[in-house]
Amino acid sequence: MKYYIREKLISLHHRFYVYDEDGHQAYEISSRMISIGDKTTLYDMKGGKHAYIEQRILHLMPHYDIFLEDHLALFY
């Protein structure tokens, strides 16, 4: 299954949606506007949290921790 993101270039809030192949909203992505490092949460359309991505700071290259069900699943 393919998913698509329609993100606005300029927005007052960092919230956008992921759409499935049929054009239906499948997920909602929300990011904190004011934070040190990127902090992003992926929700289903019922409000259930699926994943949380947090950027580690103080690295030369971007490093991210990905949490699934509040457990560290992957770090990059």
PDB file of N, CA and C in Angstrom:
ATOM      1  N   MET A   1       0.837  -1.172   0.000  1.00  0.00           N
ATOM      2  CA  MET A   1       0.000   0.000   0.000  1.00  0.00           C
ATOM      3  C   MET A   1       0.885   1.239   0.000  1.00  0.00           C
ATOM      4  N   LYS A   2       0.506   2.229  -0.766  1.00  0.00           N
ATOM      5  CA  LYS A   2       1.245   3.482  -0.840  1.00  0.00           C
ATOM      6  C   LYS A   2       0.546   4.543  -0.005  1.00  0.00           C
ATOM      7  N   TYR A   3       1.349   5.426   0.574  1.00  0.00           N
ATOM      8  CA  TYR A   3       0.839   6.536   1.360  1.00  0.00           C
ATOM      9  C   TYR A   3       1.410   7.834   0.811  1.00  0.00           C
ATOM     10  N   TYR A   4       0.655   8.909   0.956  1.00  0.00           N
ATOM     11  CA  TYR A   4       1.050  10.209   0.449  1.00  0.00           C
ATOM     12  C   TYR A   4       0.930  11.251   1.547  1.00  0.00           C
ATOM     13  N   ILE A   5       1.830  12.227   1.522  1.00  0.00           N
ATOM     14  CA  ILE A   5       1.796  13.317   2.484  1.00  0.00           C
ATOM     15  C   ILE A   5       1.549  14.604   1.716  1.00  0.00           C
ATOM     16  N   ARG A   6       0.602  15.377   2.206  1.00  0.00           N
ATOM     17  CA  ARG A   6       0.338  16.709   1.661  1.00  0.00           C
ATOM     18  C   ARG A   6       0.682  17.709   2.755  1.00  0.00           C
ATOM     19  N   GLU A   7       1.889  18.218   2.693  1.00  0.00           N
ATOM     20  CA  GLU A   7       2.360  19.139   3.709  1.00  0.00           C
ATOM     21  C   GLU A   7       2.364  20.543   3.136  1.00  0.00           C
ATOM     22  N   LYS A   8       1.874  21.505   3.914  1.00  0.00           N
ATOM     23  CA  LYS A   8       1.892  22.895   3.494  1.00  0.00           C
ATOM     24  C   LYS A   8       3.294  23.442   3.668  1.00  0.00           C
ATOM     25  N   LEU A   9       3.693  24.295   2.745  1.00  0.00           N
ATOM     26  CA  LEU A   9       5.019  24.880   2.811  1.00  0.00           C
ATOM     27  C   LEU A   9       5.123  25.852   3.981  1.00  0.00           C
ATOM     28  N   ILE A  10       4.076  26.662   4.178  1.00  0.00           N
ATOM     29  CA  ILE A  10       4.043  27.609   5.279  1.00  0.00           C
ATOM     30  C   ILE A  10       2.779  27.350   6.082  1.00  0.00           C
ATOM     31  N   SER A  11       2.939  27.163   7.393  1.00  0.00           N
ATOM     32  CA  SER A  11       1.806  26.864   8.251  1.00  0.00           C
ATOM     33  C   SER A  11       2.091  27.391   9.651  1.00  0.00           C
ATOM     34  N   LEU A  12       1.036  27.776  10.364  1.00  0.00           N
ATOM     35  CA  LEU A  12       1.201  28.258  11.727  1.00  0.00           C
ATOM     36  C   LEU A  12       1.373  27.116  12.722  1.00  0.00           C
ATOM     37  N   HIS A  13       0.938  25.933  12.367  1.00  0.00           N
ATOM     38  CA  HIS A  13       1.133  24.767  13.224  1.00  0.00           C
ATOM     39  C   HIS A  13       1.755  23.656  12.393  1.00  0.00           C
ATOM     40  N   HIS A  14       2.454  22.773  13.037  1.00  0.00           N
ATOM     41  CA  HIS A  14       3.113  21.667  12.344  1.00  0.00           C
ATOM     42  C   HIS A  14       2.258  20.411  12.478  1.00  0.00           C
ATOM     43  N   ARG A  15       1.190  20.379  11.724  1.00  0.00           N
ATOM     44  CA  ARG A  15       0.296  19.224  11.725  1.00  0.00           C
ATOM     45  C   ARG A  15      -0.119  18.972  10.278  1.00  0.00           C
ATOM     46  N   PHE A  16       0.050  17.746   9.846  1.00  0.00           N
ATOM     47  CA  PHE A  16      -0.375  17.393   8.498  1.00  0.00           C
ATOM     48  C   PHE A  16      -0.823  15.956   8.488  1.00  0.00           C
ATOM     49  N   TYR A  17      -1.365  15.515   7.363  1.00  0.00           N
ATOM     50  CA  TYR A  17      -2.003  14.206   7.274  1.00  0.00           C
ATOM     51  C   TYR A  17      -1.321  13.331   6.239  1.00  0.00           C
ATOM     52  N   VAL A  18      -1.411  12.027   6.464  1.00  0.00           N
ATOM     53  CA  VAL A  18      -0.930  11.022   5.523  1.00  0.00           C
ATOM     54  C   VAL A  18      -2.172  10.382   4.912  1.00  0.00           C
ATOM     55  N   TYR A  19      -2.194  10.295   3.591  1.00  0.00           N
ATOM     56  CA  TYR A  19      -3.344   9.759   2.863  1.00  0.00           C
ATOM     57  C   TYR A  19      -2.984   8.416   2.238  1.00  0.00           C
ATOM     58  N   ASP A  20      -3.968   7.521   2.159  1.00  0.00           N
ATOM     59  CA  ASP A  20      -3.744   6.241   1.496  1.00  0.00           C
ATOM     60  C   ASP A  20      -3.963   6.394  -0.002  1.00  0.00           C
ATOM     61  N   GLU A  21      -3.866   5.294  -0.745  1.00  0.00           N
ATOM     62  CA  GLU A  21      -3.990   5.323  -2.201  1.00  0.00           C
ATOM     63  C   GLU A  21      -5.341   5.849  -2.677  1.00  0.00           C
ATOM     64  N   ASP A  22      -6.388   5.648  -1.858  1.00  0.00           N
ATOM     65  CA  ASP A  22      -7.732   6.081  -2.230  1.00  0.00           C
ATOM     66  C   ASP A  22      -8.021   7.526  -1.859  1.00  0.00           C
ATOM     67  N   GLY A  23      -7.049   8.217  -1.232  1.00  0.00           N
ATOM     68  CA  GLY A  23      -7.231   9.602  -0.859  1.00  0.00           C
ATOM     69  C   GLY A  23      -7.862   9.813   0.506  1.00  0.00           C
ATOM     70  N   HIS A  24      -7.988   8.751   1.293  1.00  0.00           N
ATOM     71  CA  HIS A  24      -8.548   8.859   2.644  1.00  0.00           C
ATOM     72  C   HIS A  24      -7.436   9.138   3.655  1.00  0.00           C
ATOM     73  N   GLN A  25      -7.737   9.941   4.671  1.00  0.00           N
ATOM     74  CA  GLN A  25      -6.764  10.215   5.712  1.00  0.00           C
ATOM     75  C   GLN A  25      -6.485   8.939   6.496  1.00  0.00           C
ATOM     76  N   ALA A  26      -5.221   8.571   6.597  1.00  0.00           N
ATOM     77  CA  ALA A  26      -4.834   7.353   7.299  1.00  0.00           C
ATOM     78  C   ALA A  26      -4.137   7.670   8.623  1.00  0.00           C
ATOM     79  N   TYR A  27      -3.306   8.713   8.640  1.00  0.00           N
ATOM     80  CA  TYR A  27      -2.545   9.085   9.821  1.00  0.00           C
ATOM     81  C   TYR A  27      -2.471  10.598   9.944  1.00  0.00           C
ATOM     82  N   GLU A  28      -2.204  11.048  11.156  1.00  0.00           N
ATOM     83  CA  GLU A  28      -1.965  12.462  11.420  1.00  0.00           C
ATOM     84  C   GLU A  28      -0.569  12.578  12.016  1.00  0.00           C
ATOM     85  N   ILE A  29       0.198  13.533  11.537  1.00  0.00           N
ATOM     86  CA  ILE A  29       1.548  13.757  12.025  1.00  0.00           C
ATOM     87  C   ILE A  29       1.585  15.127  12.688  1.00  0.00           C
ATOM     88  N   SER A  30       2.109  15.164  13.904  1.00  0.00           N
ATOM     89  CA  SER A  30       2.165  16.396  14.663  1.00  0.00           C
ATOM     90  C   SER A  30       3.579  16.605  15.162  1.00  0.00           C
ATOM     91  N   SER A  31       4.110  17.815  14.976  1.00  0.00           N
ATOM     92  CA  SER A  31       5.450  18.157  15.440  1.00  0.00           C
ATOM     93  C   SER A  31       5.375  19.335  16.388  1.00  0.00           C
ATOM     94  N   ARG A  32       6.290  19.368  17.324  1.00  0.00           N
ATOM     95  CA  ARG A  32       6.367  20.504  18.235  1.00  0.00           C
ATOM     96  C   ARG A  32       6.983  21.683  17.498  1.00  0.00           C
ATOM     97  N   MET A  33       6.378  22.849  17.676  1.00  0.00           N
ATOM     98  CA  MET A  33       6.871  24.039  16.994  1.00  0.00           C
ATOM     99  C   MET A  33       8.151  24.571  17.639  1.00  0.00           C
ATOM    100  N   ILE A  34       8.160  24.660  18.951  1.00  0.00           N
ATOM    101  CA  ILE A  34       9.311  25.223  19.641  1.00  0.00           C
ATOM    102  C   ILE A  34       9.951  24.122  20.479  1.00  0.00           C
ATOM    103  N   SER A  35      11.065  23.601  20.003  1.00  0.00           N
ATOM    104  CA  SER A  35      11.786  22.580  20.740  1.00  0.00           C
ATOM    105  C   SER A  35      13.217  22.525  20.229  1.00  0.00           C
ATOM    106  N   ILE A  36      14.089  21.976  21.047  1.00  0.00           N
ATOM    107  CA  ILE A  36      15.469  21.766  20.626  1.00  0.00           C
ATOM    108  C   ILE A  36      15.522  20.381  20.013  1.00  0.00           C
ATOM    109  N   GLY A  37      15.747  20.317  18.733  1.00  0.00           N
ATOM    110  CA  GLY A  37      15.665  19.061  18.002  1.00  0.00           C
ATOM    111  C   GLY A  37      14.231  18.796  17.579  1.00  0.00           C
ATOM    112  N   ASP A  38      14.073  18.005  16.565  1.00  0.00           N
ATOM    113  CA  ASP A  38      12.742  17.691  16.038  1.00  0.00           C
ATOM    114  C   ASP A  38      12.073  16.616  16.883  1.00  0.00           C
ATOM    115  N   LYS A  39      10.812  16.837  17.229  1.00  0.00           N
ATOM    116  CA  LYS A  39      10.020  15.861  17.979  1.00  0.00           C
ATOM    117  C   LYS A  39       8.699  15.686  17.248  1.00  0.00           C
ATOM    118  N   THR A  40       8.469  14.514  16.703  1.00  0.00           N
ATOM    119  CA  THR A  40       7.319  14.254  15.845  1.00  0.00           C
ATOM    120  C   THR A  40       6.571  13.029  16.346  1.00  0.00           C
ATOM    121  N   THR A  41       5.229  13.107  16.320  1.00  0.00           N
ATOM    122  CA  THR A  41       4.382  12.003  16.746  1.00  0.00           C
ATOM    123  C   THR A  41       3.444  11.616  15.619  1.00  0.00           C
ATOM    124  N   LEU A  42       3.283  10.302  15.403  1.00  0.00           N
ATOM    125  CA  LEU A  42       2.391   9.758  14.377  1.00  0.00           C
ATOM    126  C   LEU A  42       1.176   9.145  15.066  1.00  0.00           C
ATOM    127  N   TYR A  43      -0.021   9.641  14.718  1.00  0.00           N
ATOM    128  CA  TYR A  43      -1.281   9.160  15.294  1.00  0.00           C
ATOM    129  C   TYR A  43      -2.140   8.532  14.202  1.00  0.00           C
ATOM    130  N   ASP A  44      -2.972   7.549  14.569  1.00  0.00           N
ATOM    131  CA  ASP A  44      -3.990   7.083  13.634  1.00  0.00           C
ATOM    132  C   ASP A  44      -5.163   8.068  13.711  1.00  0.00           C
ATOM    133  N   MET A  45      -6.167   7.886  12.889  1.00  0.00           N
ATOM    134  CA  MET A  45      -7.261   8.845  12.816  1.00  0.00           C
ATOM    135  C   MET A  45      -8.200   8.759  14.018  1.00  0.00           C
ATOM    136  N   LYS A  46      -8.037   7.744  14.867  1.00  0.00           N
ATOM    137  CA  LYS A  46      -8.835   7.647  16.096  1.00  0.00           C
ATOM    138  C   LYS A  46      -8.113   8.285  17.286  1.00  0.00           C
ATOM    139  N   GLY A  47      -6.908   8.799  17.052  1.00  0.00           N
ATOM    140  CA  GLY A  47      -6.151   9.451  18.110  1.00  0.00           C
ATOM    141  C   GLY A  47      -5.147   8.563  18.803  1.00  0.00           C
ATOM    142  N   GLY A  48      -5.009   7.311  18.366  1.00  0.00           N
ATOM    143  CA  GLY A  48      -4.041   6.386  18.960  1.00  0.00           C
ATOM    144  C   GLY A  48      -2.629   6.701  18.492  1.00  0.00           C
ATOM    145  N   LYS A  49      -1.688   6.730  19.419  1.00  0.00           N
ATOM    146  CA  LYS A  49      -0.294   7.034  19.099  1.00  0.00           C
ATOM    147  C   LYS A  49       0.394   5.784  18.565  1.00  0.00           C
ATOM    148  N   HIS A  50       1.012   5.905  17.377  1.00  0.00           N
ATOM    149  CA  HIS A  50       1.710   4.773  16.765  1.00  0.00           C
ATOM    150  C   HIS A  50       3.219   4.872  16.922  1.00  0.00           C
ATOM    151  N   ALA A  51       3.758   6.063  16.736  1.00  0.00           N
ATOM    152  CA  ALA A  51       5.211   6.215  16.785  1.00  0.00           C
ATOM    153  C   ALA A  51       5.573   7.615  17.252  1.00  0.00           C
ATOM    154  N   TYR A  52       6.765   7.704  17.828  1.00  0.00           N
ATOM    155  CA  TYR A  52       7.312   8.984  18.266  1.00  0.00           C
ATOM    156  C   TYR A  52       8.751   9.026  17.785  1.00  0.00           C
ATOM    157  N   ILE A  53       9.131  10.112  17.125  1.00  0.00           N
ATOM    158  CA  ILE A  53      10.475  10.269  16.578  1.00  0.00           C
ATOM    159  C   ILE A  53      11.099  11.497  17.220  1.00  0.00           C
ATOM    160  N   GLU A  54      12.294  11.316  17.771  1.00  0.00           N
ATOM    161  CA  GLU A  54      12.977  12.417  18.438  1.00  0.00           C
ATOM    162  C   GLU A  54      14.392  12.533  17.900  1.00  0.00           C
ATOM    163  N   GLN A  55      14.765  13.755  17.548  1.00  0.00           N
ATOM    164  CA  GLN A  55      16.104  14.001  17.031  1.00  0.00           C
ATOM    165  C   GLN A  55      17.072  14.188  18.187  1.00  0.00           C
ATOM    166  N   ARG A  56      18.206  13.497  18.099  1.00  0.00           N
ATOM    167  CA  ARG A  56      19.275  13.706  19.074  1.00  0.00           C
ATOM    168  C   ARG A  56      20.075  14.919  18.625  1.00  0.00           C
ATOM    169  N   ILE A  57      20.420  15.749  19.566  1.00  0.00           N
ATOM    170  CA  ILE A  57      21.197  16.936  19.212  1.00  0.00           C
ATOM    171  C   ILE A  57      22.661  16.713  19.567  1.00  0.00           C
ATOM    172  N   LEU A  58      23.482  17.654  19.203  1.00  0.00           N
ATOM    173  CA  LEU A  58      24.920  17.637  19.451  1.00  0.00           C
ATOM    174  C   LEU A  58      25.643  16.546  18.671  1.00  0.00           C
ATOM    175  N   HIS A  59      25.206  16.292  17.448  1.00  0.00           N
ATOM    176  CA  HIS A  59      25.881  15.382  16.530  1.00  0.00           C
ATOM    177  C   HIS A  59      26.168  16.128  15.233  1.00  0.00           C
ATOM    178  N   LEU A  60      27.203  15.729  14.536  1.00  0.00           N
ATOM    179  CA  LEU A  60      27.504  16.371  13.259  1.00  0.00           C
ATOM    180  C   LEU A  60      26.444  16.060  12.209  1.00  0.00           C
ATOM    181  N   MET A  61      25.997  14.828  12.178  1.00  0.00           N
ATOM    182  CA  MET A  61      24.935  14.413  11.259  1.00  0.00           C
ATOM    183  C   MET A  61      23.664  14.193  12.069  1.00  0.00           C
ATOM    184  N   PRO A  62      22.493  14.318  11.453  1.00  0.00           N
ATOM    185  CA  PRO A  62      21.244  14.098  12.197  1.00  0.00           C
ATOM    186  C   PRO A  62      21.130  12.665  12.712  1.00  0.00           C
ATOM    187  N   HIS A  63      20.751  12.519  13.977  1.00  0.00           N
ATOM    188  CA  HIS A  63      20.514  11.225  14.609  1.00  0.00           C
ATOM    189  C   HIS A  63      19.099  11.237  15.174  1.00  0.00           C
ATOM    190  N   TYR A  64      18.376  10.140  14.995  1.00  0.00           N
ATOM    191  CA  TYR A  64      16.989  10.062  15.436  1.00  0.00           C
ATOM    192  C   TYR A  64      16.754   8.784  16.233  1.00  0.00           C
ATOM    193  N   ASP A  65      15.895   8.890  17.250  1.00  0.00           N
ATOM    194  CA  ASP A  65      15.397   7.737  17.973  1.00  0.00           C
ATOM    195  C   ASP A  65      13.938   7.549  17.575  1.00  0.00           C
ATOM    196  N   ILE A  66      13.554   6.327  17.228  1.00  0.00           N
ATOM    197  CA  ILE A  66      12.179   6.027  16.836  1.00  0.00           C
ATOM    198  C   ILE A  66      11.587   5.086  17.880  1.00  0.00           C
ATOM    199  N   PHE A  67      10.502   5.521  18.473  1.00  0.00           N
ATOM    200  CA  PHE A  67       9.828   4.754  19.516  1.00  0.00           C
ATOM    201  C   PHE A  67       8.514   4.212  18.971  1.00  0.00           C
ATOM    202  N   LEU A  68       8.287   2.914  19.124  1.00  0.00           N
ATOM    203  CA  LEU A  68       7.025   2.275  18.791  1.00  0.00           C
ATOM    204  C   LEU A  68       6.460   1.725  20.077  1.00  0.00           C
ATOM    205  N   GLU A  69       5.234   2.109  20.400  1.00  0.00           N
ATOM    206  CA  GLU A  69       4.572   1.690  21.650  1.00  0.00           C
ATOM    207  C   GLU A  69       5.474   1.980  22.852  1.00  0.00           C
ATOM    208  N   ASP A  70       6.076   3.154  22.879  1.00  0.00           N
ATOM    209  CA  ASP A  70       6.902   3.657  23.974  1.00  0.00           C
ATOM    210  C   ASP A  70       8.162   2.851  24.224  1.00  0.00           C
ATOM    211  N   HIS A  71       8.597   2.039  23.257  1.00  0.00           N
ATOM    212  CA  HIS A  71       9.852   1.295  23.358  1.00  0.00           C
ATOM    213  C   HIS A  71      10.750   1.724  22.197  1.00  0.00           C
ATOM    214  N   LEU A  72      12.012   1.917  22.475  1.00  0.00           N
ATOM    215  CA  LEU A  72      12.963   2.302  21.437  1.00  0.00           C
ATOM    216  C   LEU A  72      13.052   1.178  20.408  1.00  0.00           C
ATOM    217  N   ALA A  73      12.657   1.479  19.185  1.00  0.00           N
ATOM    218  CA  ALA A  73      12.640   0.469  18.131  1.00  0.00           C
ATOM    219  C   ALA A  73      13.846   0.598  17.211  1.00  0.00           C
ATOM    220  N   LEU A  74      14.291   1.823  16.985  1.00  0.00           N
ATOM    221  CA  LEU A  74      15.358   2.043  16.007  1.00  0.00           C
ATOM    222  C   LEU A  74      16.031   3.359  16.343  1.00  0.00           C
ATOM    223  N   PHE A  75      17.315   3.405  16.153  1.00  0.00           N
ATOM    224  CA  PHE A  75      18.017   4.681  16.252  1.00  0.00           C
ATOM    225  C   PHE A  75      18.891   4.816  15.037  1.00  0.00           C
ATOM    226  N   TYR A  76      18.950   6.035  14.535  1.00  0.00           N
ATOM    227  CA  TYR A  76      19.705   6.303  13.312  1.00  0.00           C
ATOM    228  C   TYR A  76      20.483   7.570  13.511  1.00  0.00           C
TER     229      TYR A  76
END
